[in-house]
N, C-alpha and C. Protein backbone atom coordinates (compact mmCIF):
# COMPACT_ATOMS: atom_id res chain seq x y z
N MET A 1 1.74 3.57 -36.32
CA MET A 1 0.86 2.90 -35.37
C MET A 1 -0.32 3.81 -35.07
N SER A 2 -1.51 3.28 -35.13
CA SER A 2 -2.70 4.09 -34.88
C SER A 2 -2.86 4.32 -33.39
N ILE A 3 -3.63 5.34 -33.05
CA ILE A 3 -3.90 5.64 -31.65
C ILE A 3 -4.62 4.48 -31.00
N ALA A 4 -5.55 3.86 -31.75
CA ALA A 4 -6.32 2.76 -31.18
C ALA A 4 -5.45 1.58 -30.83
N ALA A 5 -4.31 1.43 -31.52
CA ALA A 5 -3.44 0.28 -31.27
C ALA A 5 -2.46 0.53 -30.14
N THR A 6 -2.41 1.76 -29.63
CA THR A 6 -1.47 2.09 -28.57
C THR A 6 -2.12 1.85 -27.22
N PRO A 7 -1.53 1.02 -26.36
CA PRO A 7 -2.12 0.76 -25.06
C PRO A 7 -2.12 2.02 -24.20
N LEU A 8 -3.19 2.18 -23.40
CA LEU A 8 -3.29 3.36 -22.56
C LEU A 8 -2.32 3.29 -21.40
N VAL A 9 -2.06 2.09 -20.90
CA VAL A 9 -1.10 1.91 -19.81
C VAL A 9 -0.23 0.71 -20.11
N ARG A 10 0.92 0.65 -19.47
CA ARG A 10 1.79 -0.50 -19.63
C ARG A 10 1.23 -1.66 -18.83
N PRO A 11 1.34 -2.89 -19.32
CA PRO A 11 0.77 -4.04 -18.60
C PRO A 11 1.52 -4.32 -17.31
N THR A 12 0.80 -4.78 -16.32
CA THR A 12 1.38 -5.20 -15.05
C THR A 12 1.18 -6.70 -14.90
N LEU A 13 1.52 -7.23 -13.74
CA LEU A 13 1.44 -8.66 -13.51
C LEU A 13 0.04 -9.21 -13.78
N VAL A 14 -0.98 -8.55 -13.24
CA VAL A 14 -2.33 -9.10 -13.41
C VAL A 14 -2.78 -9.07 -14.86
N ASP A 15 -2.21 -8.16 -15.64
CA ASP A 15 -2.59 -8.09 -17.05
C ASP A 15 -2.09 -9.29 -17.84
N ARG A 16 -1.15 -10.04 -17.28
CA ARG A 16 -0.67 -11.25 -17.92
C ARG A 16 -1.63 -12.42 -17.71
N VAL A 17 -2.49 -12.31 -16.71
CA VAL A 17 -3.38 -13.44 -16.39
C VAL A 17 -4.86 -13.07 -16.47
N VAL A 18 -5.17 -11.77 -16.54
CA VAL A 18 -6.57 -11.32 -16.60
C VAL A 18 -6.74 -10.42 -17.81
N THR A 19 -7.74 -10.69 -18.63
CA THR A 19 -8.03 -9.85 -19.78
C THR A 19 -8.51 -8.49 -19.32
N ARG A 20 -7.92 -7.44 -19.87
CA ARG A 20 -8.23 -6.08 -19.42
C ARG A 20 -9.60 -5.64 -19.91
N SER A 21 -10.44 -5.18 -18.99
CA SER A 21 -11.75 -4.63 -19.32
C SER A 21 -12.19 -3.77 -18.14
N TRP A 22 -13.26 -3.00 -18.33
CA TRP A 22 -13.78 -2.20 -17.22
C TRP A 22 -14.20 -3.10 -16.08
N ALA A 23 -14.85 -4.22 -16.42
CA ALA A 23 -15.33 -5.13 -15.38
C ALA A 23 -14.16 -5.72 -14.59
N SER A 24 -13.13 -6.14 -15.31
CA SER A 24 -11.98 -6.74 -14.61
C SER A 24 -11.25 -5.69 -13.78
N ASP A 25 -11.16 -4.47 -14.30
CA ASP A 25 -10.50 -3.40 -13.54
C ASP A 25 -11.23 -3.15 -12.22
N ILE A 26 -12.56 -3.08 -12.28
CA ILE A 26 -13.34 -2.85 -11.06
C ILE A 26 -13.16 -4.00 -10.08
N ALA A 27 -13.21 -5.22 -10.61
CA ALA A 27 -13.04 -6.40 -9.75
C ALA A 27 -11.67 -6.41 -9.09
N LEU A 28 -10.64 -6.04 -9.84
CA LEU A 28 -9.28 -6.03 -9.30
C LEU A 28 -9.10 -4.94 -8.25
N VAL A 29 -9.70 -3.78 -8.49
CA VAL A 29 -9.62 -2.70 -7.50
C VAL A 29 -10.26 -3.16 -6.19
N VAL A 30 -11.43 -3.78 -6.27
CA VAL A 30 -12.11 -4.27 -5.07
C VAL A 30 -11.29 -5.37 -4.40
N ALA A 31 -10.70 -6.26 -5.21
CA ALA A 31 -9.87 -7.32 -4.65
C ALA A 31 -8.65 -6.75 -3.93
N GLY A 32 -8.06 -5.71 -4.51
CA GLY A 32 -6.93 -5.06 -3.87
C GLY A 32 -7.32 -4.44 -2.54
N THR A 33 -8.47 -3.81 -2.50
CA THR A 33 -8.97 -3.25 -1.24
C THR A 33 -9.16 -4.34 -0.20
N ALA A 34 -9.73 -5.47 -0.64
CA ALA A 34 -9.96 -6.58 0.28
C ALA A 34 -8.65 -7.13 0.84
N LEU A 35 -7.62 -7.22 0.00
CA LEU A 35 -6.33 -7.72 0.47
C LEU A 35 -5.74 -6.81 1.53
N VAL A 36 -5.81 -5.51 1.30
CA VAL A 36 -5.29 -4.56 2.29
C VAL A 36 -6.09 -4.67 3.59
N ALA A 37 -7.42 -4.79 3.47
CA ALA A 37 -8.28 -4.88 4.65
C ALA A 37 -7.95 -6.11 5.48
N VAL A 38 -7.69 -7.23 4.80
CA VAL A 38 -7.38 -8.48 5.51
C VAL A 38 -6.02 -8.38 6.21
N LEU A 39 -5.00 -7.91 5.49
CA LEU A 39 -3.67 -7.83 6.09
C LEU A 39 -3.58 -6.74 7.16
N ALA A 40 -4.50 -5.77 7.10
CA ALA A 40 -4.52 -4.74 8.14
C ALA A 40 -4.87 -5.33 9.50
N GLN A 41 -5.56 -6.47 9.49
CA GLN A 41 -5.96 -7.09 10.76
C GLN A 41 -4.80 -7.85 11.39
N VAL A 42 -3.73 -8.06 10.63
CA VAL A 42 -2.51 -8.65 11.19
C VAL A 42 -1.73 -7.49 11.80
N SER A 43 -1.85 -7.33 13.10
CA SER A 43 -1.37 -6.10 13.73
C SER A 43 -0.65 -6.38 15.03
N ILE A 44 0.44 -5.63 15.24
CA ILE A 44 1.12 -5.59 16.53
C ILE A 44 0.81 -4.24 17.14
N PRO A 45 -0.05 -4.18 18.17
CA PRO A 45 -0.48 -2.89 18.71
C PRO A 45 0.67 -2.10 19.32
N LEU A 46 0.86 -0.90 18.81
CA LEU A 46 1.80 0.06 19.38
C LEU A 46 1.13 1.43 19.29
N TRP A 47 1.46 2.32 20.22
CA TRP A 47 0.89 3.67 20.14
C TRP A 47 2.03 4.63 19.79
N PRO A 48 1.78 5.60 18.92
CA PRO A 48 0.49 5.97 18.34
C PRO A 48 0.20 5.27 17.01
N VAL A 49 1.14 4.49 16.47
CA VAL A 49 0.94 3.86 15.17
C VAL A 49 1.24 2.37 15.29
N PRO A 50 0.26 1.49 15.02
CA PRO A 50 0.51 0.06 15.11
C PRO A 50 1.32 -0.45 13.92
N VAL A 51 2.04 -1.55 14.13
CA VAL A 51 2.72 -2.23 13.03
C VAL A 51 1.74 -3.25 12.45
N THR A 52 1.44 -3.15 11.18
CA THR A 52 0.45 -4.04 10.57
C THR A 52 0.97 -4.60 9.25
N GLY A 53 0.17 -5.49 8.66
CA GLY A 53 0.49 -6.04 7.35
C GLY A 53 0.04 -5.14 6.21
N GLN A 54 -0.49 -3.97 6.54
CA GLN A 54 -1.02 -3.08 5.51
C GLN A 54 0.02 -2.71 4.45
N THR A 55 1.20 -2.32 4.91
CA THR A 55 2.19 -1.84 3.96
C THR A 55 2.58 -2.92 2.96
N LEU A 56 2.71 -4.16 3.43
CA LEU A 56 3.00 -5.26 2.52
C LEU A 56 1.92 -5.37 1.46
N ALA A 57 0.66 -5.28 1.89
CA ALA A 57 -0.46 -5.36 0.94
C ALA A 57 -0.43 -4.18 -0.03
N VAL A 58 -0.11 -3.00 0.48
CA VAL A 58 -0.05 -1.81 -0.39
C VAL A 58 0.98 -2.01 -1.49
N LEU A 59 2.16 -2.51 -1.13
CA LEU A 59 3.22 -2.73 -2.12
C LEU A 59 2.79 -3.75 -3.16
N LEU A 60 2.17 -4.83 -2.71
CA LEU A 60 1.73 -5.88 -3.63
C LEU A 60 0.61 -5.40 -4.55
N VAL A 61 -0.32 -4.66 -3.99
CA VAL A 61 -1.44 -4.14 -4.79
C VAL A 61 -0.93 -3.13 -5.81
N GLY A 62 -0.07 -2.22 -5.39
CA GLY A 62 0.47 -1.24 -6.32
C GLY A 62 1.23 -1.90 -7.46
N ALA A 63 2.10 -2.85 -7.13
CA ALA A 63 2.89 -3.52 -8.15
C ALA A 63 2.04 -4.40 -9.04
N GLY A 64 1.07 -5.06 -8.46
CA GLY A 64 0.25 -5.98 -9.25
C GLY A 64 -0.74 -5.29 -10.15
N LEU A 65 -1.30 -4.18 -9.69
CA LEU A 65 -2.38 -3.53 -10.44
C LEU A 65 -1.92 -2.32 -11.25
N GLY A 66 -0.78 -1.74 -10.90
CA GLY A 66 -0.35 -0.54 -11.59
C GLY A 66 -0.80 0.72 -10.87
N ALA A 67 -0.42 1.86 -11.39
CA ALA A 67 -0.60 3.12 -10.70
C ALA A 67 -2.07 3.47 -10.45
N VAL A 68 -2.87 3.48 -11.50
CA VAL A 68 -4.25 3.95 -11.36
C VAL A 68 -5.10 2.98 -10.56
N ARG A 69 -5.05 1.70 -10.92
CA ARG A 69 -5.87 0.72 -10.21
C ARG A 69 -5.36 0.54 -8.78
N GLY A 70 -4.04 0.57 -8.59
CA GLY A 70 -3.50 0.43 -7.24
C GLY A 70 -3.92 1.57 -6.33
N ALA A 71 -3.77 2.81 -6.82
CA ALA A 71 -4.19 3.97 -6.04
C ALA A 71 -5.69 3.95 -5.80
N SER A 72 -6.45 3.49 -6.79
CA SER A 72 -7.91 3.41 -6.62
C SER A 72 -8.27 2.42 -5.52
N SER A 73 -7.57 1.29 -5.45
CA SER A 73 -7.81 0.30 -4.40
C SER A 73 -7.60 0.91 -3.02
N LEU A 74 -6.52 1.65 -2.88
CA LEU A 74 -6.23 2.24 -1.57
C LEU A 74 -7.13 3.41 -1.27
N GLY A 75 -7.54 4.15 -2.31
CA GLY A 75 -8.52 5.21 -2.10
C GLY A 75 -9.84 4.64 -1.62
N LEU A 76 -10.27 3.52 -2.24
CA LEU A 76 -11.50 2.86 -1.82
C LEU A 76 -11.37 2.35 -0.39
N TYR A 77 -10.20 1.83 -0.06
CA TYR A 77 -9.94 1.36 1.30
C TYR A 77 -10.13 2.49 2.31
N ALA A 78 -9.57 3.65 2.02
CA ALA A 78 -9.69 4.79 2.92
C ALA A 78 -11.15 5.22 3.07
N VAL A 79 -11.87 5.29 1.97
CA VAL A 79 -13.26 5.73 2.00
C VAL A 79 -14.13 4.75 2.79
N LEU A 80 -13.96 3.47 2.52
CA LEU A 80 -14.79 2.47 3.20
C LEU A 80 -14.53 2.45 4.70
N GLY A 81 -13.28 2.65 5.08
CA GLY A 81 -12.98 2.72 6.50
C GLY A 81 -13.58 3.95 7.16
N LEU A 82 -13.57 5.06 6.46
CA LEU A 82 -14.13 6.29 7.01
C LEU A 82 -15.64 6.22 7.16
N VAL A 83 -16.31 5.54 6.24
CA VAL A 83 -17.78 5.50 6.31
C VAL A 83 -18.29 4.44 7.28
N GLY A 84 -17.40 3.64 7.86
CA GLY A 84 -17.86 2.76 8.93
C GLY A 84 -17.46 1.31 8.87
N LEU A 85 -16.85 0.85 7.78
CA LEU A 85 -16.45 -0.54 7.73
C LEU A 85 -15.22 -0.77 8.62
N PRO A 86 -15.20 -1.84 9.40
CA PRO A 86 -14.09 -2.09 10.32
C PRO A 86 -12.89 -2.71 9.61
N ILE A 87 -12.25 -1.93 8.73
CA ILE A 87 -11.18 -2.50 7.90
C ILE A 87 -9.82 -1.87 8.18
N PHE A 88 -9.77 -0.80 8.98
CA PHE A 88 -8.49 -0.25 9.35
C PHE A 88 -7.84 -1.15 10.40
N ALA A 89 -6.56 -0.95 10.64
CA ALA A 89 -5.87 -1.74 11.66
C ALA A 89 -6.58 -1.56 13.01
N PRO A 90 -6.78 -2.65 13.75
CA PRO A 90 -7.50 -2.55 15.03
C PRO A 90 -6.70 -1.81 16.08
N GLN A 91 -7.43 -1.24 17.02
CA GLN A 91 -6.82 -0.59 18.17
C GLN A 91 -6.39 -1.66 19.19
N GLU A 92 -5.76 -1.24 20.26
CA GLU A 92 -5.27 -2.19 21.26
C GLU A 92 -6.39 -3.03 21.85
N ASP A 93 -7.62 -2.46 21.96
CA ASP A 93 -8.74 -3.21 22.52
C ASP A 93 -9.50 -4.00 21.47
N GLY A 94 -9.00 -4.01 20.22
CA GLY A 94 -9.65 -4.76 19.16
C GLY A 94 -10.69 -3.98 18.38
N SER A 95 -10.99 -2.76 18.81
CA SER A 95 -11.98 -1.94 18.11
C SER A 95 -11.36 -1.32 16.87
N HIS A 96 -12.21 -0.77 16.01
CA HIS A 96 -11.75 -0.14 14.77
C HIS A 96 -12.25 1.30 14.72
N LEU A 97 -11.34 2.22 14.45
CA LEU A 97 -11.73 3.61 14.29
C LEU A 97 -12.39 3.82 12.93
N THR A 98 -13.43 4.62 12.91
CA THR A 98 -14.09 4.99 11.67
C THR A 98 -14.47 6.46 11.73
N GLY A 99 -14.91 7.01 10.62
CA GLY A 99 -15.42 8.37 10.58
C GLY A 99 -14.43 9.40 11.08
N ILE A 100 -14.94 10.39 11.83
CA ILE A 100 -14.11 11.49 12.32
C ILE A 100 -13.01 10.98 13.23
N ALA A 101 -13.30 9.95 14.02
CA ALA A 101 -12.30 9.40 14.93
C ALA A 101 -11.10 8.87 14.16
N ALA A 102 -11.36 8.19 13.04
CA ALA A 102 -10.27 7.67 12.21
C ALA A 102 -9.53 8.80 11.52
N LEU A 103 -10.29 9.77 11.02
CA LEU A 103 -9.68 10.88 10.29
C LEU A 103 -8.76 11.70 11.18
N SER A 104 -9.10 11.82 12.45
CA SER A 104 -8.30 12.62 13.37
C SER A 104 -7.24 11.81 14.11
N ALA A 105 -7.16 10.52 13.82
CA ALA A 105 -6.19 9.67 14.50
C ALA A 105 -4.77 9.99 14.04
N PRO A 106 -3.77 9.83 14.92
CA PRO A 106 -2.39 10.10 14.52
C PRO A 106 -1.92 9.25 13.36
N SER A 107 -2.53 8.07 13.17
CA SER A 107 -2.07 7.15 12.13
C SER A 107 -2.74 7.35 10.78
N PHE A 108 -3.72 8.26 10.68
CA PHE A 108 -4.46 8.35 9.42
C PHE A 108 -3.60 8.88 8.28
N GLY A 109 -2.57 9.63 8.59
CA GLY A 109 -1.68 10.11 7.53
C GLY A 109 -1.02 8.97 6.79
N TYR A 110 -0.80 7.86 7.49
CA TYR A 110 -0.22 6.70 6.83
C TYR A 110 -1.19 6.10 5.81
N ILE A 111 -2.46 6.14 6.12
CA ILE A 111 -3.47 5.63 5.18
C ILE A 111 -3.49 6.49 3.92
N ILE A 112 -3.37 7.79 4.07
CA ILE A 112 -3.26 8.65 2.90
C ILE A 112 -1.97 8.33 2.15
N GLY A 113 -0.91 8.07 2.90
CA GLY A 113 0.35 7.70 2.28
C GLY A 113 0.26 6.42 1.49
N PHE A 114 -0.61 5.50 1.91
CA PHE A 114 -0.79 4.25 1.17
C PHE A 114 -1.24 4.51 -0.27
N ILE A 115 -2.10 5.49 -0.43
CA ILE A 115 -2.62 5.80 -1.77
C ILE A 115 -1.48 6.27 -2.67
N ALA A 116 -0.68 7.20 -2.16
CA ALA A 116 0.47 7.69 -2.94
C ALA A 116 1.48 6.58 -3.19
N SER A 117 1.72 5.75 -2.18
CA SER A 117 2.68 4.66 -2.33
C SER A 117 2.25 3.69 -3.41
N ALA A 118 0.97 3.29 -3.40
CA ALA A 118 0.47 2.36 -4.41
C ALA A 118 0.60 2.96 -5.81
N ALA A 119 0.35 4.26 -5.92
CA ALA A 119 0.47 4.92 -7.23
C ALA A 119 1.91 4.90 -7.72
N ILE A 120 2.85 5.22 -6.84
CA ILE A 120 4.26 5.28 -7.24
C ILE A 120 4.83 3.90 -7.52
N VAL A 121 4.51 2.94 -6.65
CA VAL A 121 4.97 1.56 -6.89
C VAL A 121 4.35 1.03 -8.17
N GLY A 122 3.07 1.33 -8.39
CA GLY A 122 2.41 0.90 -9.62
C GLY A 122 3.03 1.52 -10.86
N TRP A 123 3.37 2.79 -10.77
CA TRP A 123 4.04 3.47 -11.88
C TRP A 123 5.36 2.79 -12.20
N ALA A 124 6.12 2.45 -11.16
CA ALA A 124 7.40 1.77 -11.36
C ALA A 124 7.19 0.38 -11.94
N ALA A 125 6.16 -0.33 -11.46
CA ALA A 125 5.89 -1.67 -11.96
C ALA A 125 5.51 -1.66 -13.43
N GLU A 126 4.81 -0.61 -13.85
CA GLU A 126 4.45 -0.49 -15.26
C GLU A 126 5.67 -0.30 -16.15
N ARG A 127 6.77 0.01 -15.51
CA ARG A 127 8.05 0.17 -16.23
C ARG A 127 9.03 -0.94 -15.87
N SER A 128 8.47 -2.07 -15.42
CA SER A 128 9.22 -3.30 -15.14
C SER A 128 10.17 -3.20 -13.96
N TRP A 129 9.89 -2.30 -13.03
CA TRP A 129 10.72 -2.20 -11.83
C TRP A 129 10.28 -3.16 -10.74
N ASP A 130 9.36 -4.07 -11.06
CA ASP A 130 8.99 -5.13 -10.13
C ASP A 130 9.58 -6.46 -10.56
N ARG A 131 10.54 -6.41 -11.47
CA ARG A 131 11.15 -7.63 -11.99
C ARG A 131 12.66 -7.59 -11.77
N GLY A 132 13.27 -8.78 -11.81
CA GLY A 132 14.69 -8.87 -11.51
C GLY A 132 14.89 -9.04 -10.02
N TRP A 133 16.03 -8.61 -9.50
CA TRP A 133 16.27 -8.77 -8.07
C TRP A 133 16.54 -7.45 -7.35
N TYR A 134 17.24 -6.50 -7.99
CA TYR A 134 17.53 -5.26 -7.28
C TYR A 134 16.47 -4.19 -7.51
N LYS A 135 15.84 -4.18 -8.69
CA LYS A 135 14.82 -3.17 -8.96
C LYS A 135 13.62 -3.29 -8.01
N PRO A 136 13.11 -4.51 -7.74
CA PRO A 136 12.00 -4.59 -6.78
C PRO A 136 12.37 -4.08 -5.39
N ILE A 137 13.60 -4.36 -4.95
CA ILE A 137 14.02 -3.88 -3.63
C ILE A 137 13.97 -2.35 -3.59
N ILE A 138 14.53 -1.71 -4.62
CA ILE A 138 14.52 -0.24 -4.68
C ILE A 138 13.09 0.28 -4.73
N THR A 139 12.27 -0.36 -5.57
CA THR A 139 10.87 0.07 -5.72
C THR A 139 10.11 -0.01 -4.42
N PHE A 140 10.23 -1.12 -3.71
CA PHE A 140 9.41 -1.33 -2.52
C PHE A 140 9.94 -0.57 -1.31
N ILE A 141 11.24 -0.39 -1.21
CA ILE A 141 11.74 0.48 -0.15
C ILE A 141 11.29 1.91 -0.41
N GLY A 142 11.37 2.33 -1.67
CA GLY A 142 10.89 3.66 -2.02
C GLY A 142 9.41 3.83 -1.72
N GLY A 143 8.61 2.80 -2.06
CA GLY A 143 7.18 2.86 -1.76
C GLY A 143 6.91 2.95 -0.27
N SER A 144 7.69 2.25 0.52
CA SER A 144 7.53 2.32 1.98
C SER A 144 7.89 3.70 2.51
N LEU A 145 8.92 4.30 1.96
CA LEU A 145 9.33 5.64 2.42
C LEU A 145 8.29 6.69 2.08
N VAL A 146 7.58 6.49 0.97
CA VAL A 146 6.51 7.43 0.60
C VAL A 146 5.44 7.46 1.69
N VAL A 147 5.12 6.29 2.24
CA VAL A 147 4.12 6.23 3.31
C VAL A 147 4.57 7.09 4.49
N PHE A 148 5.84 6.96 4.87
CA PHE A 148 6.35 7.76 5.99
C PHE A 148 6.41 9.24 5.64
N ALA A 149 6.72 9.56 4.40
CA ALA A 149 6.84 10.96 4.00
C ALA A 149 5.52 11.71 4.19
N ILE A 150 4.41 10.99 4.07
CA ILE A 150 3.10 11.61 4.28
C ILE A 150 2.60 11.38 5.69
N GLY A 151 2.87 10.20 6.23
CA GLY A 151 2.37 9.86 7.55
C GLY A 151 3.01 10.64 8.69
N LEU A 152 4.31 10.91 8.59
CA LEU A 152 5.00 11.57 9.69
C LEU A 152 4.56 13.02 9.92
N PRO A 153 4.40 13.84 8.87
CA PRO A 153 3.88 15.19 9.12
C PRO A 153 2.49 15.18 9.75
N TRP A 154 1.63 14.26 9.30
CA TRP A 154 0.29 14.14 9.90
C TRP A 154 0.43 13.77 11.38
N LEU A 155 1.33 12.82 11.67
CA LEU A 155 1.56 12.41 13.04
C LEU A 155 2.04 13.58 13.89
N ALA A 156 2.94 14.38 13.34
CA ALA A 156 3.46 15.53 14.08
C ALA A 156 2.34 16.49 14.46
N VAL A 157 1.47 16.79 13.52
CA VAL A 157 0.35 17.69 13.79
C VAL A 157 -0.57 17.10 14.85
N SER A 158 -0.86 15.80 14.72
CA SER A 158 -1.76 15.14 15.67
C SER A 158 -1.18 15.15 17.08
N LEU A 159 0.11 14.85 17.20
CA LEU A 159 0.73 14.87 18.52
C LEU A 159 0.69 16.27 19.12
N GLY A 160 0.92 17.28 18.29
CA GLY A 160 0.85 18.65 18.78
C GLY A 160 -0.53 19.01 19.27
N GLN A 161 -1.56 18.56 18.56
CA GLN A 161 -2.93 18.86 18.99
C GLN A 161 -3.28 18.16 20.29
N LEU A 162 -2.62 17.04 20.56
CA LEU A 162 -2.83 16.31 21.81
C LEU A 162 -1.97 16.87 22.95
N GLY A 163 -1.17 17.89 22.66
CA GLY A 163 -0.32 18.48 23.66
C GLY A 163 0.92 17.66 23.96
N LEU A 164 1.29 16.79 23.04
CA LEU A 164 2.46 15.94 23.21
C LEU A 164 3.63 16.48 22.40
N PRO A 165 4.86 16.12 22.75
CA PRO A 165 6.02 16.60 21.99
C PRO A 165 5.92 16.19 20.52
N ASN A 166 6.12 17.16 19.64
CA ASN A 166 6.04 16.86 18.21
C ASN A 166 7.21 17.45 17.43
N ASP A 167 8.36 17.59 18.12
CA ASP A 167 9.57 17.96 17.41
C ASP A 167 10.01 16.79 16.54
N LEU A 168 10.96 17.03 15.66
CA LEU A 168 11.36 16.01 14.69
C LEU A 168 11.78 14.72 15.36
N GLN A 169 12.62 14.80 16.37
CA GLN A 169 13.10 13.58 17.02
C GLN A 169 11.96 12.81 17.69
N SER A 170 11.06 13.52 18.34
CA SER A 170 9.92 12.87 18.99
C SER A 170 9.03 12.16 17.98
N VAL A 171 8.81 12.81 16.84
CA VAL A 171 7.97 12.21 15.80
C VAL A 171 8.65 10.98 15.21
N LEU A 172 9.94 11.05 14.98
CA LEU A 172 10.67 9.90 14.44
C LEU A 172 10.67 8.74 15.43
N ILE A 173 10.80 9.04 16.71
CA ILE A 173 10.76 7.99 17.72
C ILE A 173 9.38 7.33 17.75
N ALA A 174 8.33 8.13 17.62
CA ALA A 174 6.97 7.61 17.70
C ALA A 174 6.53 6.90 16.43
N GLY A 175 6.95 7.42 15.27
CA GLY A 175 6.34 6.93 14.04
C GLY A 175 7.26 6.44 12.96
N PHE A 176 8.57 6.37 13.23
CA PHE A 176 9.48 5.90 12.18
C PHE A 176 10.47 4.85 12.68
N TYR A 177 11.24 5.18 13.71
CA TYR A 177 12.27 4.26 14.17
C TYR A 177 11.74 2.87 14.51
N PRO A 178 10.59 2.76 15.20
CA PRO A 178 10.12 1.41 15.57
C PRO A 178 9.75 0.53 14.38
N PHE A 179 9.56 1.17 13.21
CA PHE A 179 9.03 0.43 12.08
C PHE A 179 10.05 0.19 10.97
N ILE A 180 11.30 0.59 11.21
CA ILE A 180 12.31 0.45 10.17
C ILE A 180 12.53 -1.01 9.83
N ILE A 181 12.77 -1.84 10.84
CA ILE A 181 13.05 -3.26 10.58
C ILE A 181 11.84 -3.93 9.95
N GLY A 182 10.64 -3.68 10.50
CA GLY A 182 9.43 -4.26 9.92
C GLY A 182 9.21 -3.81 8.50
N GLY A 183 9.48 -2.54 8.22
CA GLY A 183 9.31 -2.02 6.87
C GLY A 183 10.26 -2.67 5.89
N LEU A 184 11.51 -2.87 6.32
CA LEU A 184 12.49 -3.53 5.45
C LEU A 184 12.10 -4.98 5.19
N ILE A 185 11.60 -5.65 6.23
CA ILE A 185 11.18 -7.04 6.06
C ILE A 185 10.02 -7.13 5.07
N LYS A 186 9.04 -6.23 5.22
CA LYS A 186 7.88 -6.26 4.31
C LYS A 186 8.29 -5.92 2.88
N ALA A 187 9.22 -4.98 2.73
CA ALA A 187 9.71 -4.66 1.38
C ALA A 187 10.44 -5.84 0.78
N ALA A 188 11.21 -6.55 1.61
CA ALA A 188 11.94 -7.72 1.12
C ALA A 188 10.98 -8.84 0.73
N ILE A 189 9.93 -9.05 1.52
CA ILE A 189 8.94 -10.07 1.17
C ILE A 189 8.28 -9.75 -0.16
N ALA A 190 7.87 -8.48 -0.32
CA ALA A 190 7.24 -8.08 -1.58
C ALA A 190 8.21 -8.23 -2.75
N ALA A 191 9.48 -7.88 -2.52
CA ALA A 191 10.48 -7.97 -3.58
C ALA A 191 10.76 -9.40 -3.96
N ALA A 192 10.60 -10.33 -3.04
CA ALA A 192 10.79 -11.75 -3.34
C ALA A 192 9.56 -12.34 -4.02
N LEU A 193 8.38 -11.89 -3.61
CA LEU A 193 7.14 -12.45 -4.16
C LEU A 193 6.90 -12.06 -5.61
N LEU A 194 7.11 -10.80 -5.94
CA LEU A 194 6.73 -10.33 -7.28
C LEU A 194 7.49 -11.03 -8.40
N PRO A 195 8.83 -11.14 -8.34
CA PRO A 195 9.52 -11.87 -9.40
C PRO A 195 9.06 -13.32 -9.50
N ALA A 196 8.78 -13.93 -8.33
CA ALA A 196 8.30 -15.31 -8.35
C ALA A 196 6.93 -15.41 -9.02
N LEU A 197 6.07 -14.46 -8.75
CA LEU A 197 4.75 -14.46 -9.38
C LEU A 197 4.85 -14.19 -10.87
N TRP A 198 5.79 -13.29 -11.27
CA TRP A 198 6.02 -13.05 -12.69
C TRP A 198 6.47 -14.33 -13.39
N ALA A 199 7.37 -15.06 -12.77
CA ALA A 199 7.86 -16.30 -13.36
C ALA A 199 6.73 -17.31 -13.51
N ALA A 200 5.86 -17.39 -12.50
CA ALA A 200 4.73 -18.31 -12.57
C ALA A 200 3.76 -17.92 -13.68
N ALA A 201 3.53 -16.60 -13.80
CA ALA A 201 2.62 -16.13 -14.85
C ALA A 201 3.17 -16.42 -16.23
N GLU A 202 4.47 -16.25 -16.41
CA GLU A 202 5.07 -16.52 -17.72
C GLU A 202 5.08 -18.00 -18.04
N ARG A 203 5.28 -18.86 -17.03
CA ARG A 203 5.20 -20.30 -17.27
C ARG A 203 3.79 -20.69 -17.66
N SER A 204 2.82 -20.05 -17.03
CA SER A 204 1.42 -20.34 -17.35
C SER A 204 1.09 -19.93 -18.77
N GLN A 205 1.62 -18.77 -19.19
CA GLN A 205 1.37 -18.31 -20.55
C GLN A 205 2.01 -19.24 -21.57
N ARG A 206 3.22 -19.72 -21.29
CA ARG A 206 3.88 -20.63 -22.21
C ARG A 206 3.19 -21.98 -22.30
N GLY A 207 2.50 -22.34 -21.21
CA GLY A 207 1.84 -23.63 -21.19
C GLY A 207 0.51 -23.63 -21.92
N LYS A 208 0.02 -22.45 -22.29
CA LYS A 208 -1.27 -22.38 -22.99
C LYS A 208 -1.12 -22.63 -24.48
């Protein structure tokens, strides 16, 4: 097999319905960013970290686009929010943090975690771990835990800088325990959606 005939990446869900090109990759990255931005506005205000639809979008974008495009979508999301677009989860008063205020917020570590999560979920999806029934559950729970693995240390530092308790138990109470049920629900939704979307894509391909 020649090098030219070897695909650079394994196909993901969108590759079954969209012809791969630079233009389509850029469009998909932007679309992934838009999806995260929209679901981020679905928010239950809690301090210091709100419960939002972001994680669900992150899992879907990572699985649908793959590691590189998924991580790129979330990287673009982080950059656009920092430069001033009101796309991060809203605060209790409906405002949106941007720039230095967003970067120094206790919740910004989770946004960085989204990038890593999308990359890891995308990597797994490129190896068909978004198909079947148990593999998606493992993939999406793992992707959700990656967000916490990066978000919680950032939260601990932020709480310490604010003069608030930042021992392990305090950090878990503030940034992990309240979101366990919501995280499991979002992982389950993503795990149910992806196999269904794969089945739809395959039916569409057979119908052509």
